[in-house]
Amino acid sequence: MKVNLFVSRDIEEPHADIHTDELTDNITKAMSILESDESSEMLAVRKGLDIALLEFNEVYMLKVENKQVNVYTESGEYFIKKPLYQVEETLTGDFVRISKTTIINLKKIGRVAPSLKGMMFIELKNGLKDNISRKYLPGFKQALDL
């Protein structure tokens, strides 16, 4: 799907035009999001050439791998072209950075355990695992009110 964005200061109200040969579920969802005030709690991601819109509560982890941000959900993996710090600015308080390359959804934590050299190990409810680095451990504990 080709996406064009036009920014103009002469517009009274923002609007979107969608040109398509068929109405798909993703287009219907995009229209619903654009028409609502809840669009700030959605993340536009890619899977191959397709664009999908994920609600924040669907996201388990965002991780930089091979110079791209991968987005993990319960059943799938997507990617975003933006750098991790830009994506982090749009996320809600349910998300916390656990390392230089990883952000997790606090609501998706399965368990946390001690790991090597002062780090902590985290396992999410979908089975994804990662380490919480010492640098980000105080922020992680604060986010959990520990």
N, C-alpha and C. Protein backbone atom coordinates (compact mmCIF):
# COMPACT_ATOMS: atom_id res chain seq x y z
N MET A 1 0.85 -1.17 0.00
CA MET A 1 0.00 0.00 0.00
C MET A 1 0.89 1.23 0.00
N LYS A 2 0.61 2.15 -0.85
CA LYS A 2 1.35 3.40 -0.93
C LYS A 2 0.67 4.41 -0.01
N VAL A 3 1.46 5.13 0.78
CA VAL A 3 0.92 6.13 1.70
C VAL A 3 1.57 7.47 1.39
N ASN A 4 0.76 8.49 1.18
CA ASN A 4 1.25 9.85 0.95
C ASN A 4 0.77 10.75 2.08
N LEU A 5 1.65 11.61 2.57
CA LEU A 5 1.29 12.58 3.61
C LEU A 5 1.57 13.97 3.09
N PHE A 6 0.58 14.84 3.21
CA PHE A 6 0.73 16.22 2.79
C PHE A 6 0.47 17.12 4.00
N VAL A 7 1.45 17.93 4.34
CA VAL A 7 1.32 18.84 5.47
C VAL A 7 1.13 20.24 4.92
N SER A 8 0.07 20.90 5.38
CA SER A 8 -0.23 22.25 4.92
C SER A 8 -0.81 23.05 6.08
N ARG A 9 -0.35 24.26 6.23
CA ARG A 9 -0.85 25.13 7.30
C ARG A 9 -2.15 25.84 6.89
N ASP A 10 -2.57 25.67 5.65
CA ASP A 10 -3.77 26.34 5.13
C ASP A 10 -5.05 25.53 5.35
N ILE A 11 -4.96 24.38 5.99
CA ILE A 11 -6.12 23.51 6.17
C ILE A 11 -6.82 23.84 7.49
N GLU A 12 -8.15 24.00 7.43
CA GLU A 12 -8.92 24.29 8.63
C GLU A 12 -9.06 23.06 9.52
N GLU A 13 -9.30 21.91 8.92
CA GLU A 13 -9.45 20.66 9.67
C GLU A 13 -8.70 19.55 8.93
N PRO A 14 -7.88 18.78 9.67
CA PRO A 14 -7.17 17.68 9.01
C PRO A 14 -8.16 16.67 8.44
N HIS A 15 -7.80 16.09 7.29
CA HIS A 15 -8.64 15.06 6.69
C HIS A 15 -7.76 14.06 5.96
N ALA A 16 -8.31 12.90 5.70
CA ALA A 16 -7.58 11.85 4.99
C ALA A 16 -8.43 11.34 3.85
N ASP A 17 -7.79 11.09 2.72
CA ASP A 17 -8.44 10.47 1.57
C ASP A 17 -7.77 9.12 1.35
N ILE A 18 -8.57 8.07 1.21
CA ILE A 18 -8.04 6.73 0.97
C ILE A 18 -8.57 6.26 -0.37
N HIS A 19 -7.65 5.88 -1.26
CA HIS A 19 -8.02 5.37 -2.58
C HIS A 19 -7.68 3.89 -2.61
N THR A 20 -8.67 3.05 -2.89
CA THR A 20 -8.44 1.61 -2.89
C THR A 20 -9.39 0.92 -3.87
N ASP A 21 -8.99 -0.28 -4.28
CA ASP A 21 -9.86 -1.05 -5.17
C ASP A 21 -10.76 -2.01 -4.40
N GLU A 22 -10.44 -2.20 -3.08
CA GLU A 22 -11.32 -3.02 -2.24
C GLU A 22 -11.20 -2.57 -0.78
N LEU A 23 -12.29 -2.74 -0.06
CA LEU A 23 -12.34 -2.35 1.34
C LEU A 23 -11.90 -3.54 2.19
N THR A 24 -10.68 -3.46 2.74
CA THR A 24 -10.15 -4.55 3.56
C THR A 24 -10.39 -4.24 5.04
N ASP A 25 -10.15 -5.24 5.88
CA ASP A 25 -10.29 -5.04 7.33
C ASP A 25 -9.32 -3.97 7.83
N ASN A 26 -8.09 -3.95 7.30
CA ASN A 26 -7.11 -2.95 7.73
C ASN A 26 -7.55 -1.54 7.35
N ILE A 27 -8.13 -1.37 6.18
CA ILE A 27 -8.60 -0.05 5.77
C ILE A 27 -9.77 0.38 6.63
N THR A 28 -10.68 -0.53 6.92
CA THR A 28 -11.80 -0.21 7.80
C THR A 28 -11.31 0.19 9.18
N LYS A 29 -10.33 -0.54 9.69
CA LYS A 29 -9.76 -0.23 11.01
C LYS A 29 -9.06 1.13 10.98
N ALA A 30 -8.32 1.41 9.91
CA ALA A 30 -7.63 2.70 9.77
C ALA A 30 -8.64 3.84 9.74
N MET A 31 -9.75 3.66 9.02
CA MET A 31 -10.78 4.70 8.96
C MET A 31 -11.37 4.94 10.35
N SER A 32 -11.63 3.87 11.07
CA SER A 32 -12.18 3.99 12.42
C SER A 32 -11.22 4.74 13.33
N ILE A 33 -9.95 4.43 13.23
CA ILE A 33 -8.95 5.09 14.07
C ILE A 33 -8.83 6.56 13.72
N LEU A 34 -8.79 6.87 12.44
CA LEU A 34 -8.66 8.26 12.01
C LEU A 34 -9.86 9.09 12.44
N GLU A 35 -11.02 8.48 12.51
CA GLU A 35 -12.24 9.20 12.89
C GLU A 35 -12.39 9.33 14.40
N SER A 36 -11.64 8.54 15.16
CA SER A 36 -11.78 8.59 16.62
C SER A 36 -10.67 9.43 17.24
N ASP A 37 -10.81 9.70 18.53
CA ASP A 37 -9.80 10.44 19.27
C ASP A 37 -8.79 9.51 19.91
N GLU A 38 -8.92 8.20 19.72
CA GLU A 38 -8.05 7.22 20.36
C GLU A 38 -6.86 6.82 19.48
N SER A 39 -6.61 7.56 18.40
CA SER A 39 -5.55 7.18 17.47
C SER A 39 -4.17 7.25 18.11
N SER A 40 -4.04 7.97 19.22
CA SER A 40 -2.74 8.08 19.87
C SER A 40 -2.34 6.78 20.55
N GLU A 41 -3.26 5.84 20.72
CA GLU A 41 -2.93 4.58 21.36
C GLU A 41 -2.83 3.45 20.34
N MET A 42 -2.39 3.80 19.14
CA MET A 42 -2.21 2.83 18.07
C MET A 42 -0.79 2.97 17.53
N LEU A 43 -0.30 1.87 17.01
CA LEU A 43 1.04 1.83 16.46
C LEU A 43 0.94 1.30 15.03
N ALA A 44 1.40 2.09 14.06
CA ALA A 44 1.41 1.64 12.67
C ALA A 44 2.69 0.84 12.45
N VAL A 45 2.54 -0.40 12.00
CA VAL A 45 3.66 -1.32 11.83
C VAL A 45 3.60 -1.95 10.45
N ARG A 46 4.68 -2.59 10.08
CA ARG A 46 4.74 -3.27 8.78
C ARG A 46 5.03 -4.76 8.98
N LYS A 47 4.49 -5.55 8.08
CA LYS A 47 4.82 -6.98 7.98
C LYS A 47 4.94 -7.24 6.49
N GLY A 48 6.16 -7.37 6.01
CA GLY A 48 6.38 -7.44 4.58
C GLY A 48 5.99 -6.11 3.96
N LEU A 49 5.13 -6.14 2.96
CA LEU A 49 4.68 -4.90 2.33
C LEU A 49 3.38 -4.38 2.95
N ASP A 50 2.77 -5.17 3.82
CA ASP A 50 1.51 -4.79 4.45
C ASP A 50 1.73 -3.84 5.62
N ILE A 51 0.79 -2.96 5.82
CA ILE A 51 0.78 -2.06 6.98
C ILE A 51 -0.36 -2.50 7.88
N ALA A 52 -0.07 -2.60 9.17
CA ALA A 52 -1.10 -2.97 10.14
C ALA A 52 -1.11 -1.92 11.24
N LEU A 53 -2.24 -1.79 11.89
CA LEU A 53 -2.38 -0.90 13.04
C LEU A 53 -2.62 -1.75 14.27
N LEU A 54 -1.70 -1.64 15.23
CA LEU A 54 -1.80 -2.40 16.47
C LEU A 54 -2.21 -1.48 17.61
N GLU A 55 -3.10 -1.96 18.45
CA GLU A 55 -3.40 -1.24 19.67
C GLU A 55 -2.24 -1.49 20.63
N PHE A 56 -1.93 -0.50 21.48
CA PHE A 56 -0.80 -0.64 22.41
C PHE A 56 -0.93 -1.90 23.26
N ASN A 57 -2.17 -2.26 23.65
CA ASN A 57 -2.33 -3.43 24.51
C ASN A 57 -2.05 -4.75 23.79
N GLU A 58 -1.86 -4.72 22.47
CA GLU A 58 -1.50 -5.92 21.72
C GLU A 58 0.02 -6.13 21.69
N VAL A 59 0.77 -5.08 22.00
CA VAL A 59 2.23 -5.11 21.88
C VAL A 59 2.85 -5.68 23.15
N TYR A 60 3.73 -6.65 22.99
CA TYR A 60 4.46 -7.24 24.11
C TYR A 60 5.83 -6.60 24.25
N MET A 61 6.56 -6.47 23.15
CA MET A 61 7.93 -5.99 23.21
C MET A 61 8.30 -5.28 21.91
N LEU A 62 9.16 -4.25 22.05
CA LEU A 62 9.78 -3.60 20.90
C LEU A 62 11.28 -3.76 21.09
N LYS A 63 11.96 -4.24 20.05
CA LYS A 63 13.38 -4.54 20.20
C LYS A 63 14.12 -4.22 18.91
N VAL A 64 15.27 -3.54 19.04
CA VAL A 64 16.10 -3.24 17.89
C VAL A 64 16.92 -4.48 17.56
N GLU A 65 16.76 -4.95 16.34
CA GLU A 65 17.51 -6.10 15.83
C GLU A 65 17.85 -5.83 14.37
N ASN A 66 19.10 -6.00 14.02
CA ASN A 66 19.55 -5.75 12.64
C ASN A 66 19.17 -4.36 12.15
N LYS A 67 19.35 -3.37 13.02
CA LYS A 67 19.13 -1.95 12.70
C LYS A 67 17.69 -1.60 12.36
N GLN A 68 16.73 -2.41 12.82
CA GLN A 68 15.32 -2.05 12.67
C GLN A 68 14.59 -2.40 13.96
N VAL A 69 13.49 -1.71 14.22
CA VAL A 69 12.71 -1.96 15.43
C VAL A 69 11.68 -3.04 15.12
N ASN A 70 11.81 -4.17 15.79
CA ASN A 70 10.83 -5.25 15.67
C ASN A 70 9.79 -5.11 16.76
N VAL A 71 8.55 -5.33 16.41
CA VAL A 71 7.43 -5.24 17.34
C VAL A 71 6.84 -6.63 17.49
N TYR A 72 6.81 -7.12 18.73
CA TYR A 72 6.32 -8.48 19.00
C TYR A 72 4.95 -8.42 19.67
N THR A 73 4.03 -9.25 19.15
CA THR A 73 2.70 -9.38 19.74
C THR A 73 2.56 -10.83 20.21
N GLU A 74 1.37 -11.20 20.63
CA GLU A 74 1.16 -12.57 21.10
C GLU A 74 1.47 -13.60 20.02
N SER A 75 1.10 -13.28 18.80
CA SER A 75 1.24 -14.29 17.75
C SER A 75 2.08 -13.86 16.55
N GLY A 76 2.59 -12.64 16.55
CA GLY A 76 3.29 -12.20 15.36
C GLY A 76 4.44 -11.26 15.61
N GLU A 77 5.16 -10.97 14.53
CA GLU A 77 6.30 -10.07 14.58
C GLU A 77 6.16 -9.07 13.43
N TYR A 78 6.34 -7.79 13.75
CA TYR A 78 6.22 -6.71 12.78
C TYR A 78 7.47 -5.85 12.88
N PHE A 79 7.56 -4.81 12.05
CA PHE A 79 8.67 -3.88 12.20
C PHE A 79 8.22 -2.46 11.93
N ILE A 80 9.02 -1.54 12.43
CA ILE A 80 8.78 -0.10 12.27
C ILE A 80 10.06 0.51 11.74
N LYS A 81 9.95 1.49 10.87
CA LYS A 81 11.13 2.13 10.31
C LYS A 81 11.68 3.24 11.22
N LYS A 82 10.90 3.72 12.17
CA LYS A 82 11.35 4.78 13.07
C LYS A 82 12.39 4.24 14.06
N PRO A 83 13.28 5.11 14.56
CA PRO A 83 14.19 4.68 15.63
C PRO A 83 13.42 4.42 16.93
N LEU A 84 13.98 3.60 17.79
CA LEU A 84 13.31 3.19 19.02
C LEU A 84 12.95 4.39 19.90
N TYR A 85 13.83 5.38 20.00
CA TYR A 85 13.55 6.54 20.87
C TYR A 85 12.33 7.32 20.39
N GLN A 86 12.09 7.37 19.07
CA GLN A 86 10.91 8.07 18.56
C GLN A 86 9.64 7.28 18.86
N VAL A 87 9.70 5.97 18.75
CA VAL A 87 8.55 5.14 19.07
C VAL A 87 8.25 5.26 20.56
N GLU A 88 9.28 5.26 21.38
CA GLU A 88 9.13 5.34 22.84
C GLU A 88 8.36 6.59 23.26
N GLU A 89 8.56 7.69 22.56
CA GLU A 89 7.88 8.95 22.88
C GLU A 89 6.37 8.86 22.71
N THR A 90 5.89 7.95 21.87
CA THR A 90 4.45 7.84 21.61
C THR A 90 3.76 6.83 22.53
N LEU A 91 4.53 6.01 23.23
CA LEU A 91 3.95 4.94 24.05
C LEU A 91 3.38 5.47 25.37
N THR A 92 2.46 4.71 25.94
CA THR A 92 1.84 5.07 27.21
C THR A 92 2.72 4.61 28.37
N GLY A 93 2.28 4.88 29.59
CA GLY A 93 3.00 4.51 30.79
C GLY A 93 3.06 3.02 31.05
N ASP A 94 2.37 2.22 30.25
CA ASP A 94 2.42 0.77 30.40
C ASP A 94 3.73 0.19 29.85
N PHE A 95 4.51 1.01 29.17
CA PHE A 95 5.74 0.55 28.55
C PHE A 95 6.95 1.11 29.29
N VAL A 96 7.99 0.28 29.39
CA VAL A 96 9.22 0.71 30.07
C VAL A 96 10.42 0.13 29.32
N ARG A 97 11.47 0.94 29.23
CA ARG A 97 12.70 0.49 28.59
C ARG A 97 13.46 -0.39 29.58
N ILE A 98 13.93 -1.55 29.11
CA ILE A 98 14.68 -2.45 29.99
C ILE A 98 16.14 -2.59 29.56
N SER A 99 16.47 -2.06 28.38
CA SER A 99 17.85 -2.05 27.91
C SER A 99 17.95 -1.00 26.80
N LYS A 100 19.15 -0.81 26.33
CA LYS A 100 19.37 0.16 25.27
C LYS A 100 18.55 -0.16 24.02
N THR A 101 18.27 -1.44 23.81
CA THR A 101 17.60 -1.88 22.58
C THR A 101 16.19 -2.43 22.78
N THR A 102 15.66 -2.41 24.02
CA THR A 102 14.39 -3.11 24.26
C THR A 102 13.44 -2.31 25.15
N ILE A 103 12.16 -2.29 24.75
CA ILE A 103 11.07 -1.74 25.54
C ILE A 103 10.03 -2.84 25.69
N ILE A 104 9.47 -2.99 26.90
CA ILE A 104 8.45 -4.02 27.11
C ILE A 104 7.16 -3.40 27.65
N ASN A 105 6.06 -4.14 27.46
CA ASN A 105 4.77 -3.76 28.00
C ASN A 105 4.66 -4.39 29.39
N LEU A 106 4.54 -3.57 30.43
CA LEU A 106 4.48 -4.06 31.80
C LEU A 106 3.32 -5.02 32.03
N LYS A 107 2.22 -4.83 31.29
CA LYS A 107 1.05 -5.68 31.46
C LYS A 107 1.24 -7.08 30.87
N LYS A 108 2.32 -7.29 30.15
CA LYS A 108 2.56 -8.57 29.48
C LYS A 108 3.66 -9.38 30.16
N ILE A 109 4.11 -8.97 31.34
CA ILE A 109 5.17 -9.68 32.05
C ILE A 109 4.64 -10.98 32.63
N GLY A 110 5.36 -12.07 32.36
CA GLY A 110 5.02 -13.37 32.94
C GLY A 110 5.77 -13.56 34.25
N ARG A 111 7.10 -13.32 34.21
CA ARG A 111 7.89 -13.45 35.44
C ARG A 111 9.18 -12.67 35.30
N VAL A 112 9.76 -12.33 36.44
CA VAL A 112 11.04 -11.64 36.52
C VAL A 112 11.89 -12.41 37.53
N ALA A 113 13.18 -12.62 37.19
CA ALA A 113 14.07 -13.38 38.07
C ALA A 113 15.47 -12.79 38.00
N PRO A 114 16.29 -13.00 39.04
CA PRO A 114 17.68 -12.54 39.00
C PRO A 114 18.45 -13.24 37.88
N SER A 115 19.42 -12.52 37.32
CA SER A 115 20.25 -13.07 36.26
C SER A 115 21.72 -12.80 36.58
N LEU A 116 22.57 -12.84 35.60
CA LEU A 116 24.00 -12.66 35.80
C LEU A 116 24.41 -11.21 36.02
N LYS A 117 25.47 -10.98 36.79
CA LYS A 117 26.13 -9.69 36.95
C LYS A 117 25.18 -8.55 37.29
N GLY A 118 24.26 -8.77 38.21
CA GLY A 118 23.38 -7.71 38.68
C GLY A 118 22.21 -7.40 37.77
N MET A 119 22.06 -8.14 36.71
CA MET A 119 20.93 -7.91 35.81
C MET A 119 19.76 -8.78 36.25
N MET A 120 18.62 -8.51 35.68
CA MET A 120 17.43 -9.31 35.93
C MET A 120 16.98 -9.91 34.61
N PHE A 121 16.34 -11.06 34.69
CA PHE A 121 15.82 -11.80 33.55
C PHE A 121 14.32 -11.59 33.52
N ILE A 122 13.75 -11.38 32.34
CA ILE A 122 12.31 -11.19 32.23
C ILE A 122 11.75 -12.14 31.17
N GLU A 123 10.59 -12.71 31.48
CA GLU A 123 9.88 -13.55 30.51
C GLU A 123 8.48 -12.98 30.37
N LEU A 124 8.07 -12.75 29.13
CA LEU A 124 6.75 -12.23 28.86
C LEU A 124 5.75 -13.37 28.71
N LYS A 125 4.47 -13.04 28.77
CA LYS A 125 3.41 -14.06 28.72
C LYS A 125 3.37 -14.83 27.41
N ASN A 126 3.96 -14.27 26.35
CA ASN A 126 3.99 -14.98 25.07
C ASN A 126 5.26 -15.80 24.90
N GLY A 127 6.10 -15.87 25.95
CA GLY A 127 7.31 -16.68 25.91
C GLY A 127 8.57 -15.93 25.54
N LEU A 128 8.47 -14.69 25.11
CA LEU A 128 9.67 -13.90 24.80
C LEU A 128 10.48 -13.68 26.06
N LYS A 129 11.82 -13.71 25.92
CA LYS A 129 12.70 -13.54 27.07
C LYS A 129 13.75 -12.49 26.75
N ASP A 130 14.18 -11.77 27.78
CA ASP A 130 15.24 -10.78 27.63
C ASP A 130 15.82 -10.47 29.00
N ASN A 131 16.90 -9.71 29.00
CA ASN A 131 17.51 -9.28 30.26
C ASN A 131 17.24 -7.80 30.50
N ILE A 132 17.03 -7.45 31.75
CA ILE A 132 16.91 -6.06 32.16
C ILE A 132 18.30 -5.64 32.58
N SER A 133 18.87 -4.65 31.90
CA SER A 133 20.23 -4.25 32.22
C SER A 133 20.27 -3.46 33.53
N ARG A 134 21.43 -3.43 34.16
CA ARG A 134 21.59 -2.72 35.43
C ARG A 134 21.23 -1.25 35.29
N LYS A 135 21.58 -0.64 34.16
CA LYS A 135 21.31 0.79 33.95
C LYS A 135 19.80 1.09 34.00
N TYR A 136 18.98 0.20 33.48
CA TYR A 136 17.54 0.44 33.39
C TYR A 136 16.75 -0.23 34.52
N LEU A 137 17.42 -0.96 35.39
CA LEU A 137 16.74 -1.66 36.48
C LEU A 137 16.03 -0.71 37.45
N PRO A 138 16.65 0.42 37.87
CA PRO A 138 15.92 1.33 38.77
C PRO A 138 14.62 1.86 38.15
N GLY A 139 14.64 2.21 36.87
CA GLY A 139 13.42 2.69 36.19
C GLY A 139 12.38 1.60 36.08
N PHE A 140 12.82 0.37 35.86
CA PHE A 140 11.91 -0.77 35.79
C PHE A 140 11.23 -0.98 37.14
N LYS A 141 12.04 -0.97 38.21
CA LYS A 141 11.47 -1.16 39.56
C LYS A 141 10.51 -0.04 39.93
N GLN A 142 10.85 1.19 39.53
CA GLN A 142 9.97 2.32 39.81
C GLN A 142 8.64 2.17 39.05
N ALA A 143 8.71 1.69 37.82
CA ALA A 143 7.49 1.50 37.04
C ALA A 143 6.58 0.45 37.67
N LEU A 144 7.18 -0.52 38.37
CA LEU A 144 6.39 -1.56 39.06
C LEU A 144 6.07 -1.19 40.50
N ASP A 145 6.49 -0.01 40.93
CA ASP A 145 6.30 0.46 42.33
C ASP A 145 6.98 -0.47 43.31
N LEU A 146 8.20 -0.94 43.00
CA LEU A 146 8.96 -1.80 43.90
C LEU A 146 9.97 -0.98 44.68
